[in-house]
Amino acid sequence: MTEKRYNCKKTSQGAPETDCVEPINGSGALGQQTVPGDGRNRRLIGIAPEGMPIIAGLAFVTLYLGALGFGAAALFFLIATVFTVFFFRDPDRLIPAQPGVVVSPADGKIVCVETGLCPFTSEQALKISVFMSVFNVHVNRIPDDATVVDVQYHPGCFFSANLDKASRDNEHNAVVLKLHDGRCMVVVQIAGLIARRIVCRIHPGERLSRGQRFGIICFGSRVDLYLPTDTKPAVCVGDKVLAGLSIVGHLS
């Protein structure tokens, strides 16, 4: 396999400079853009729906222990509740509207920019990997307008997500997307050392919009993005990016 790694100066997070659409939140509120098929991704007070049962459970335990007079234990669960709310936060983002741009599918730090063989299409591709720590927003977004071709779940290990072998050996979920020109793009949700749950809300045949929410990985993880080889990367290793906002590449 021929592999090319990119070495360049850091960019300013690959963030868009001009032309943004309004925040996508699926609510249809005045001044906000509703994305087709995004209604099921509606959030309560800016929190991913997957986090609500956990938050409710922790809050109940906190109140119960406090009522019984177990102050230290109640304080511990209060801190756990606050951290869980922080982890499952899901802010709206201004999605770049420029044609031909690809936005980051995840918040985090770029740990890989290279060309090589995509294991899901068996074609050469530009690979961009984003590592998410427990302090990043973990909601994943679609990099560009596309149609879902396939969703492939693969069980595996739970190595630290910042390692290269995590792409190959860890539990992961690959979403194969077809762009408007017929070319393919693949977004891979990868579980990490702590992450043990991958959520993907989309199915083959769905048409998705750039910046649309499609899933979440719980508690520290990684997302690999495979793009056509002629895509010009807009980020370098070490850059920090935001899902749906930071531009990571330009399609030819």
C-alpha atoms as a PDB file:
ATOM      1  CA  MET A   1       0.000   0.000   0.000  1.00  0.00           C
ATOM      2  CA  THR A   2       1.351   3.396  -0.970  1.00  0.00           C
ATOM      3  CA  GLU A   3       0.903   5.873   1.834  1.00  0.00           C
ATOM      4  CA  LYS A   4       1.481   9.602   1.897  1.00  0.00           C
ATOM      5  CA  ARG A   5       1.598  11.595   5.103  1.00  0.00           C
ATOM      6  CA  TYR A   6       1.072  15.347   5.079  1.00  0.00           C
ATOM      7  CA  ASN A   7       3.484  17.618   6.947  1.00  0.00           C
ATOM      8  CA  CYS A   8       2.651  21.306   7.040  1.00  0.00           C
ATOM      9  CA  LYS A   9       2.231  24.303   9.282  1.00  0.00           C
ATOM     10  CA  LYS A  10      -0.746  24.373  11.596  1.00  0.00           C
ATOM     11  CA  THR A  11      -3.849  26.150  10.419  1.00  0.00           C
ATOM     12  CA  SER A  12      -6.215  28.231  12.519  1.00  0.00           C
ATOM     13  CA  GLN A  13      -8.378  25.197  13.358  1.00  0.00           C
ATOM     14  CA  GLY A  14      -9.607  24.921   9.786  1.00  0.00           C
ATOM     15  CA  ALA A  15     -12.486  27.204  10.713  1.00  0.00           C
ATOM     16  CA  PRO A  16     -14.620  28.773   7.982  1.00  0.00           C
ATOM     17  CA  GLU A  17     -14.034  32.429   7.277  1.00  0.00           C
ATOM     18  CA  THR A  18     -17.177  33.324   5.343  1.00  0.00           C
ATOM     19  CA  ASP A  19     -20.646  32.200   4.290  1.00  0.00           C
ATOM     20  CA  CYS A  20     -22.367  30.225   7.022  1.00  0.00           C
ATOM     21  CA  VAL A  21     -25.908  28.951   7.261  1.00  0.00           C
ATOM     22  CA  GLU A  22     -27.856  29.246  10.480  1.00  0.00           C
ATOM     23  CA  PRO A  23     -27.419  26.693  13.289  1.00  0.00           C
ATOM     24  CA  ILE A  24     -28.878  23.273  12.561  1.00  0.00           C
ATOM     25  CA  ASN A  25     -30.905  21.951  15.460  1.00  0.00           C
ATOM     26  CA  GLY A  26     -33.918  20.355  13.813  1.00  0.00           C
ATOM     27  CA  SER A  27     -36.336  22.575  15.736  1.00  0.00           C
ATOM     28  CA  GLY A  28     -37.521  24.771  12.877  1.00  0.00           C
ATOM     29  CA  ALA A  29     -37.349  27.809  15.162  1.00  0.00           C
ATOM     30  CA  LEU A  30     -37.282  31.264  13.627  1.00  0.00           C
ATOM     31  CA  GLY A  31     -33.848  32.048  12.184  1.00  0.00           C
ATOM     32  CA  GLN A  32     -32.685  28.438  12.257  1.00  0.00           C
ATOM     33  CA  GLN A  33     -32.416  25.921   9.442  1.00  0.00           C
ATOM     34  CA  THR A  34     -34.249  22.615   9.732  1.00  0.00           C
ATOM     35  CA  VAL A  35     -32.476  19.688   8.104  1.00  0.00           C
ATOM     36  CA  PRO A  36     -34.647  17.027   6.397  1.00  0.00           C
ATOM     37  CA  GLY A  37     -34.809  13.888   8.510  1.00  0.00           C
ATOM     38  CA  ASP A  38     -33.212  15.625  11.495  1.00  0.00           C
ATOM     39  CA  GLY A  39     -36.394  15.831  13.566  1.00  0.00           C
ATOM     40  CA  ARG A  40     -35.497  12.762  15.609  1.00  0.00           C
ATOM     41  CA  ASN A  41     -32.275  14.505  16.661  1.00  0.00           C
ATOM     42  CA  ARG A  42     -34.100  17.194  18.615  1.00  0.00           C
ATOM     43  CA  ARG A  43     -32.450  17.950  21.923  1.00  0.00           C
ATOM     44  CA  LEU A  44     -33.673  19.054  25.290  1.00  0.00           C
ATOM     45  CA  ILE A  45     -31.869  22.179  26.625  1.00  0.00           C
ATOM     46  CA  GLY A  46     -28.822  21.536  24.421  1.00  0.00           C
ATOM     47  CA  ILE A  47     -28.141  18.001  25.647  1.00  0.00           C
ATOM     48  CA  ALA A  48     -27.826  14.894  23.452  1.00  0.00           C
ATOM     49  CA  PRO A  49     -30.862  12.627  24.061  1.00  0.00           C
ATOM     50  CA  GLU A  50     -28.619   9.668  24.899  1.00  0.00           C
ATOM     51  CA  GLY A  51     -27.474  11.494  28.006  1.00  0.00           C
ATOM     52  CA  MET A  52     -30.878  12.291  29.489  1.00  0.00           C
ATOM     53  CA  PRO A  53     -31.517   8.885  31.202  1.00  0.00           C
ATOM     54  CA  ILE A  54     -28.026   8.919  32.746  1.00  0.00           C
ATOM     55  CA  ILE A  55     -28.384  12.504  33.943  1.00  0.00           C
ATOM     56  CA  ALA A  56     -31.855  11.833  35.361  1.00  0.00           C
ATOM     57  CA  GLY A  57     -30.601   8.755  37.201  1.00  0.00           C
ATOM     58  CA  LEU A  58     -27.627  10.547  38.724  1.00  0.00           C
ATOM     59  CA  ALA A  59     -29.761  13.527  39.725  1.00  0.00           C
ATOM     60  CA  PHE A  60     -32.284  11.232  41.426  1.00  0.00           C
ATOM     61  CA  VAL A  61     -29.552   9.470  43.407  1.00  0.00           C
ATOM     62  CA  THR A  62     -28.088  12.855  44.392  1.00  0.00           C
ATOM     63  CA  LEU A  63     -31.448  14.086  45.723  1.00  0.00           C
ATOM     64  CA  TYR A  64     -32.193  10.794  47.453  1.00  0.00           C
ATOM     65  CA  LEU A  65     -28.842  10.687  49.262  1.00  0.00           C
ATOM     66  CA  GLY A  66     -29.166  14.338  50.208  1.00  0.00           C
ATOM     67  CA  ALA A  67     -32.620  13.741  51.671  1.00  0.00           C
ATOM     68  CA  LEU A  68     -31.219  10.885  53.770  1.00  0.00           C
ATOM     69  CA  GLY A  69     -28.450  13.109  55.091  1.00  0.00           C
ATOM     70  CA  PHE A  70     -25.521  11.448  53.317  1.00  0.00           C
ATOM     71  CA  GLY A  71     -23.841  14.724  52.434  1.00  0.00           C
ATOM     72  CA  ALA A  72     -20.505  13.397  51.160  1.00  0.00           C
ATOM     73  CA  ALA A  73     -22.125  10.779  48.935  1.00  0.00           C
ATOM     74  CA  ALA A  74     -24.654  13.319  47.648  1.00  0.00           C
ATOM     75  CA  LEU A  75     -21.822  15.708  46.788  1.00  0.00           C
ATOM     76  CA  PHE A  76     -20.026  12.963  44.861  1.00  0.00           C
ATOM     77  CA  PHE A  77     -23.110  12.198  42.781  1.00  0.00           C
ATOM     78  CA  LEU A  78     -23.772  15.906  42.277  1.00  0.00           C
ATOM     79  CA  ILE A  79     -20.301  16.291  40.756  1.00  0.00           C
ATOM     80  CA  ALA A  80     -20.936  13.209  38.601  1.00  0.00           C
ATOM     81  CA  THR A  81     -24.239  14.713  37.445  1.00  0.00           C
ATOM     82  CA  VAL A  82     -22.635  18.026  36.499  1.00  0.00           C
ATOM     83  CA  PHE A  83     -19.842  16.282  34.588  1.00  0.00           C
ATOM     84  CA  THR A  84     -22.356  14.100  32.713  1.00  0.00           C
ATOM     85  CA  VAL A  85     -24.350  17.175  31.692  1.00  0.00           C
ATOM     86  CA  PHE A  86     -21.084  18.722  30.480  1.00  0.00           C
ATOM     87  CA  PHE A  87     -20.144  15.583  28.543  1.00  0.00           C
ATOM     88  CA  PHE A  88     -23.491  15.242  26.746  1.00  0.00           C
ATOM     89  CA  ARG A  89     -23.751  18.929  25.825  1.00  0.00           C
ATOM     90  CA  ASP A  90     -24.762  19.478  22.200  1.00  0.00           C
ATOM     91  CA  PRO A  91     -24.377  23.108  21.093  1.00  0.00           C
ATOM     92  CA  ASP A  92     -25.715  24.469  17.828  1.00  0.00           C
ATOM     93  CA  ARG A  93     -23.113  25.245  15.173  1.00  0.00           C
ATOM     94  CA  LEU A  94     -22.946  27.638  12.218  1.00  0.00           C
ATOM     95  CA  ILE A  95     -22.479  25.297   9.256  1.00  0.00           C
ATOM     96  CA  PRO A  96     -20.238  26.570   6.395  1.00  0.00           C
ATOM     97  CA  ALA A  97     -22.186  27.093   3.178  1.00  0.00           C
ATOM     98  CA  GLN A  98     -19.283  27.275   0.717  1.00  0.00           C
ATOM     99  CA  PRO A  99     -19.571  24.674  -2.068  1.00  0.00           C
ATOM    100  CA  GLY A 100     -16.986  21.899  -2.105  1.00  0.00           C
ATOM    101  CA  VAL A 101     -15.931  22.104   1.536  1.00  0.00           C
ATOM    102  CA  VAL A 102     -15.878  19.201   3.982  1.00  0.00           C
ATOM    103  CA  VAL A 103     -16.471  19.904   7.675  1.00  0.00           C
ATOM    104  CA  SER A 104     -15.138  17.947  10.611  1.00  0.00           C
ATOM    105  CA  PRO A 105     -17.379  15.075  11.778  1.00  0.00           C
ATOM    106  CA  ALA A 106     -16.196  15.492  15.380  1.00  0.00           C
ATOM    107  CA  ASP A 107     -14.761  17.876  17.949  1.00  0.00           C
ATOM    108  CA  GLY A 108     -11.192  17.205  18.971  1.00  0.00           C
ATOM    109  CA  LYS A 109      -7.586  17.126  17.814  1.00  0.00           C
ATOM    110  CA  ILE A 110      -6.318  16.035  14.389  1.00  0.00           C
ATOM    111  CA  VAL A 111      -4.032  13.023  14.923  1.00  0.00           C
ATOM    112  CA  CYS A 112      -3.655  11.772  11.348  1.00  0.00           C
ATOM    113  CA  VAL A 113      -3.660  13.239   7.817  1.00  0.00           C
ATOM    114  CA  GLU A 114      -2.455  10.714   5.224  1.00  0.00           C
ATOM    115  CA  THR A 115      -3.366   8.877   2.052  1.00  0.00           C
ATOM    116  CA  GLY A 116      -3.790   5.117   1.942  1.00  0.00           C
ATOM    117  CA  LEU A 117      -6.222   2.304   1.263  1.00  0.00           C
ATOM    118  CA  CYS A 118      -9.701   2.733   2.705  1.00  0.00           C
ATOM    119  CA  PRO A 119     -10.660  -0.658   4.230  1.00  0.00           C
ATOM    120  CA  PHE A 120     -14.364  -0.050   3.620  1.00  0.00           C
ATOM    121  CA  THR A 121     -14.246   0.799  -0.103  1.00  0.00           C
ATOM    122  CA  SER A 122     -10.938  -0.877  -1.064  1.00  0.00           C
ATOM    123  CA  GLU A 123      -9.949   2.362  -2.794  1.00  0.00           C
ATOM    124  CA  GLN A 124      -7.184   4.890  -2.152  1.00  0.00           C
ATOM    125  CA  ALA A 125      -8.399   7.754   0.021  1.00  0.00           C
ATOM    126  CA  LEU A 126      -7.317  10.745   2.069  1.00  0.00           C
ATOM    127  CA  LYS A 127      -7.680   9.823   5.739  1.00  0.00           C
ATOM    128  CA  ILE A 128      -8.231  12.469   8.399  1.00  0.00           C
ATOM    129  CA  SER A 129      -8.541  11.303  12.016  1.00  0.00           C
ATOM    130  CA  VAL A 130      -9.963  13.277  14.948  1.00  0.00           C
ATOM    131  CA  PHE A 131      -9.267  12.233  18.543  1.00  0.00           C
ATOM    132  CA  MET A 132     -11.921  13.219  21.099  1.00  0.00           C
ATOM    133  CA  SER A 133     -10.989  13.479  24.772  1.00  0.00           C
ATOM    134  CA  VAL A 134     -13.637  13.248  27.502  1.00  0.00           C
ATOM    135  CA  PHE A 135     -13.711  17.063  27.556  1.00  0.00           C
ATOM    136  CA  ASN A 136     -14.822  17.429  23.904  1.00  0.00           C
ATOM    137  CA  VAL A 137     -18.382  17.481  22.585  1.00  0.00           C
ATOM    138  CA  HIS A 138     -19.004  13.906  21.419  1.00  0.00           C
ATOM    139  CA  VAL A 139     -21.919  14.437  19.021  1.00  0.00           C
ATOM    140  CA  ASN A 140     -20.933  13.458  15.459  1.00  0.00           C
ATOM    141  CA  ARG A 141     -21.999  15.346  12.316  1.00  0.00           C
ATOM    142  CA  ILE A 142     -22.124  14.645   8.576  1.00  0.00           C
ATOM    143  CA  PRO A 143     -19.126  16.205   6.717  1.00  0.00           C
ATOM    144  CA  ASP A 144     -21.021  17.088   3.501  1.00  0.00           C
ATOM    145  CA  ASP A 145     -24.347  16.597   1.719  1.00  0.00           C
ATOM    146  CA  ALA A 146     -24.589  12.910   0.874  1.00  0.00           C
ATOM    147  CA  THR A 147     -26.723   9.768   0.730  1.00  0.00           C
ATOM    148  CA  VAL A 148     -26.118   6.855   3.100  1.00  0.00           C
ATOM    149  CA  VAL A 149     -25.005   3.794   1.122  1.00  0.00           C
ATOM    150  CA  ASP A 150     -24.160   1.433   3.973  1.00  0.00           C
ATOM    151  CA  VAL A 151     -23.697   1.288   7.750  1.00  0.00           C
ATOM    152  CA  GLN A 152     -21.210  -1.360   8.925  1.00  0.00           C
ATOM    153  CA  TYR A 153     -20.745  -2.240  12.601  1.00  0.00           C
ATOM    154  CA  HIS A 154     -17.594  -4.125  13.610  1.00  0.00           C
ATOM    155  CA  PRO A 155     -16.949  -5.441  17.170  1.00  0.00           C
ATOM    156  CA  GLY A 156     -13.403  -5.155  18.419  1.00  0.00           C
ATOM    157  CA  CYS A 157     -10.993  -4.081  21.152  1.00  0.00           C
ATOM    158  CA  PHE A 158     -10.828  -0.911  23.232  1.00  0.00           C
ATOM    159  CA  PHE A 159      -7.308   0.448  22.793  1.00  0.00           C
ATOM    160  CA  SER A 160      -6.664   4.130  23.443  1.00  0.00           C
ATOM    161  CA  ALA A 161      -8.277   5.986  20.525  1.00  0.00           C
ATOM    162  CA  ASN A 162      -5.237   8.181  19.870  1.00  0.00           C
ATOM    163  CA  LEU A 163      -3.216   5.144  18.722  1.00  0.00           C
ATOM    164  CA  ASP A 164      -3.014   4.277  15.007  1.00  0.00           C
ATOM    165  CA  LYS A 165      -4.013   0.652  15.685  1.00  0.00           C
ATOM    166  CA  ALA A 166      -7.336   1.849  17.103  1.00  0.00           C
ATOM    167  CA  SER A 167      -8.583   2.452  13.539  1.00  0.00           C
ATOM    168  CA  ARG A 168      -8.040  -1.201  12.699  1.00  0.00           C
ATOM    169  CA  ASP A 169      -8.578  -3.119  15.943  1.00  0.00           C
ATOM    170  CA  ASN A 170     -11.115  -1.177  18.029  1.00  0.00           C
ATOM    171  CA  GLU A 171     -14.880  -1.559  17.957  1.00  0.00           C
ATOM    172  CA  HIS A 172     -16.140   0.763  15.228  1.00  0.00           C
ATOM    173  CA  ASN A 173     -19.085   1.745  13.073  1.00  0.00           C
ATOM    174  CA  ALA A 174     -18.468   2.800   9.464  1.00  0.00           C
ATOM    175  CA  VAL A 175     -20.933   4.974   7.525  1.00  0.00           C
ATOM    176  CA  VAL A 176     -20.395   4.852   3.757  1.00  0.00           C
ATOM    177  CA  LEU A 177     -21.749   7.972   2.032  1.00  0.00           C
ATOM    178  CA  LYS A 178     -22.230   8.836  -1.639  1.00  0.00           C
ATOM    179  CA  LEU A 179     -21.609  12.451  -2.622  1.00  0.00           C
ATOM    180  CA  HIS A 180     -23.683  14.263  -5.246  1.00  0.00           C
ATOM    181  CA  ASP A 181     -21.081  13.480  -7.937  1.00  0.00           C
ATOM    182  CA  GLY A 182     -21.146   9.743  -7.183  1.00  0.00           C
ATOM    183  CA  ARG A 183     -17.870   9.586  -5.288  1.00  0.00           C
ATOM    184  CA  CYS A 184     -17.705   7.963  -1.845  1.00  0.00           C
ATOM    185  CA  MET A 185     -16.820   9.286   1.579  1.00  0.00           C
ATOM    186  CA  VAL A 186     -16.631   7.181   4.756  1.00  0.00           C
ATOM    187  CA  VAL A 187     -17.074   8.316   8.353  1.00  0.00           C
ATOM    188  CA  VAL A 188     -15.936   5.804  10.994  1.00  0.00           C
ATOM    189  CA  GLN A 189     -16.982   6.092  14.642  1.00  0.00           C
ATOM    190  CA  ILE A 190     -14.344   4.344  16.768  1.00  0.00           C
ATOM    191  CA  ALA A 191     -14.663   3.366  20.433  1.00  0.00           C
ATOM    192  CA  GLY A 192     -11.731   4.201  22.695  1.00  0.00           C
ATOM    193  CA  LEU A 193     -10.233   3.056  25.976  1.00  0.00           C
ATOM    194  CA  ILE A 194     -13.126   4.466  28.008  1.00  0.00           C
ATOM    195  CA  ALA A 195     -15.814   4.675  25.320  1.00  0.00           C
ATOM    196  CA  ARG A 196     -17.969   1.558  25.267  1.00  0.00           C
ATOM    197  CA  ARG A 197     -21.026   2.747  23.380  1.00  0.00           C
ATOM    198  CA  ILE A 198     -21.362   3.907  19.775  1.00  0.00           C
ATOM    199  CA  VAL A 199     -24.696   5.415  18.712  1.00  0.00           C
ATOM    200  CA  CYS A 200     -25.559   5.807  15.008  1.00  0.00           C
ATOM    201  CA  ARG A 201     -29.057   7.067  14.176  1.00  0.00           C
ATOM    202  CA  ILE A 202     -28.974   6.827  10.379  1.00  0.00           C
ATOM    203  CA  HIS A 203     -29.768   4.071   7.873  1.00  0.00           C
ATOM    204  CA  PRO A 204     -28.986   3.245   4.215  1.00  0.00           C
ATOM    205  CA  GLY A 205     -30.949   5.310   1.726  1.00  0.00           C
ATOM    206  CA  GLU A 206     -31.229   8.433   3.860  1.00  0.00           C
ATOM    207  CA  ARG A 207     -30.193  11.755   2.354  1.00  0.00           C
ATOM    208  CA  LEU A 208     -28.255  13.876   4.825  1.00  0.00           C
ATOM    209  CA  SER A 209     -27.075  17.466   4.933  1.00  0.00           C
ATOM    210  CA  ARG A 210     -23.693  18.912   5.821  1.00  0.00           C
ATOM    211  CA  GLY A 211     -23.460  19.440   9.570  1.00  0.00           C
ATOM    212  CA  GLN A 212     -26.421  17.219  10.387  1.00  0.00           C
ATOM    213  CA  ARG A 213     -26.146  15.260  13.634  1.00  0.00           C
ATOM    214  CA  PHE A 214     -26.052  11.510  13.099  1.00  0.00           C
ATOM    215  CA  GLY A 215     -24.688   9.912  16.264  1.00  0.00           C
ATOM    216  CA  ILE A 216     -22.527  10.050  19.359  1.00  0.00           C
ATOM    217  CA  ILE A 217     -19.695   8.053  20.942  1.00  0.00           C
ATOM    218  CA  CYS A 218     -19.786   7.942  24.727  1.00  0.00           C
ATOM    219  CA  PHE A 219     -16.754   8.887  26.843  1.00  0.00           C
ATOM    220  CA  GLY A 220     -13.614   9.485  24.773  1.00  0.00           C
ATOM    221  CA  SER A 221     -13.138   8.179  21.253  1.00  0.00           C
ATOM    222  CA  ARG A 222     -12.022   8.810  17.675  1.00  0.00           C
ATOM    223  CA  VAL A 223     -13.545   9.469  14.245  1.00  0.00           C
ATOM    224  CA  ASP A 224     -11.777   8.593  10.974  1.00  0.00           C
ATOM    225  CA  LEU A 225     -12.829  10.344   7.769  1.00  0.00           C
ATOM    226  CA  TYR A 226     -11.948   8.880   4.347  1.00  0.00           C
ATOM    227  CA  LEU A 227     -12.219  11.304   1.416  1.00  0.00           C
ATOM    228  CA  PRO A 228     -11.462  11.123  -2.337  1.00  0.00           C
ATOM    229  CA  THR A 229      -7.700  11.272  -2.944  1.00  0.00           C
ATOM    230  CA  ASP A 230      -7.913  14.560  -4.840  1.00  0.00           C
ATOM    231  CA  THR A 231      -9.357  16.310  -1.779  1.00  0.00           C
ATOM    232  CA  LYS A 232      -7.105  19.129  -0.596  1.00  0.00           C
ATOM    233  CA  PRO A 233      -6.617  18.845   3.200  1.00  0.00           C
ATOM    234  CA  ALA A 234      -7.251  22.039   5.152  1.00  0.00           C
ATOM    235  CA  VAL A 235      -5.899  20.779   8.490  1.00  0.00           C
ATOM    236  CA  CYS A 236      -2.677  19.286   9.822  1.00  0.00           C
ATOM    237  CA  VAL A 237      -1.785  17.010  12.709  1.00  0.00           C
ATOM    238  CA  GLY A 238      -2.194  18.919  15.956  1.00  0.00           C
ATOM    239  CA  ASP A 239      -4.998  21.217  14.782  1.00  0.00           C
ATOM    240  CA  LYS A 240      -8.108  21.441  16.952  1.00  0.00           C
ATOM    241  CA  VAL A 241     -11.449  21.221  15.158  1.00  0.00           C
ATOM    242  CA  LEU A 242     -15.158  21.553  15.876  1.00  0.00           C
ATOM    243  CA  ALA A 243     -17.790  19.248  14.377  1.00  0.00           C
ATOM    244  CA  GLY A 244     -19.880  20.864  11.658  1.00  0.00           C
ATOM    245  CA  LEU A 245     -17.901  24.106  11.863  1.00  0.00           C
ATOM    246  CA  SER A 246     -14.220  23.524  11.075  1.00  0.00           C
ATOM    247  CA  ILE A 247     -13.350  22.909   7.425  1.00  0.00           C
ATOM    248  CA  VAL A 248     -11.005  19.927   7.105  1.00  0.00           C
ATOM    249  CA  GLY A 249     -10.823  19.640   3.318  1.00  0.00           C
ATOM    250  CA  HIS A 250     -11.787  20.975  -0.102  1.00  0.00           C
ATOM    251  CA  LEU A 251     -13.251  18.611  -2.696  1.00  0.00           C
ATOM    252  CA  SER A 252     -11.979  18.959  -6.263  1.00  0.00           C
END
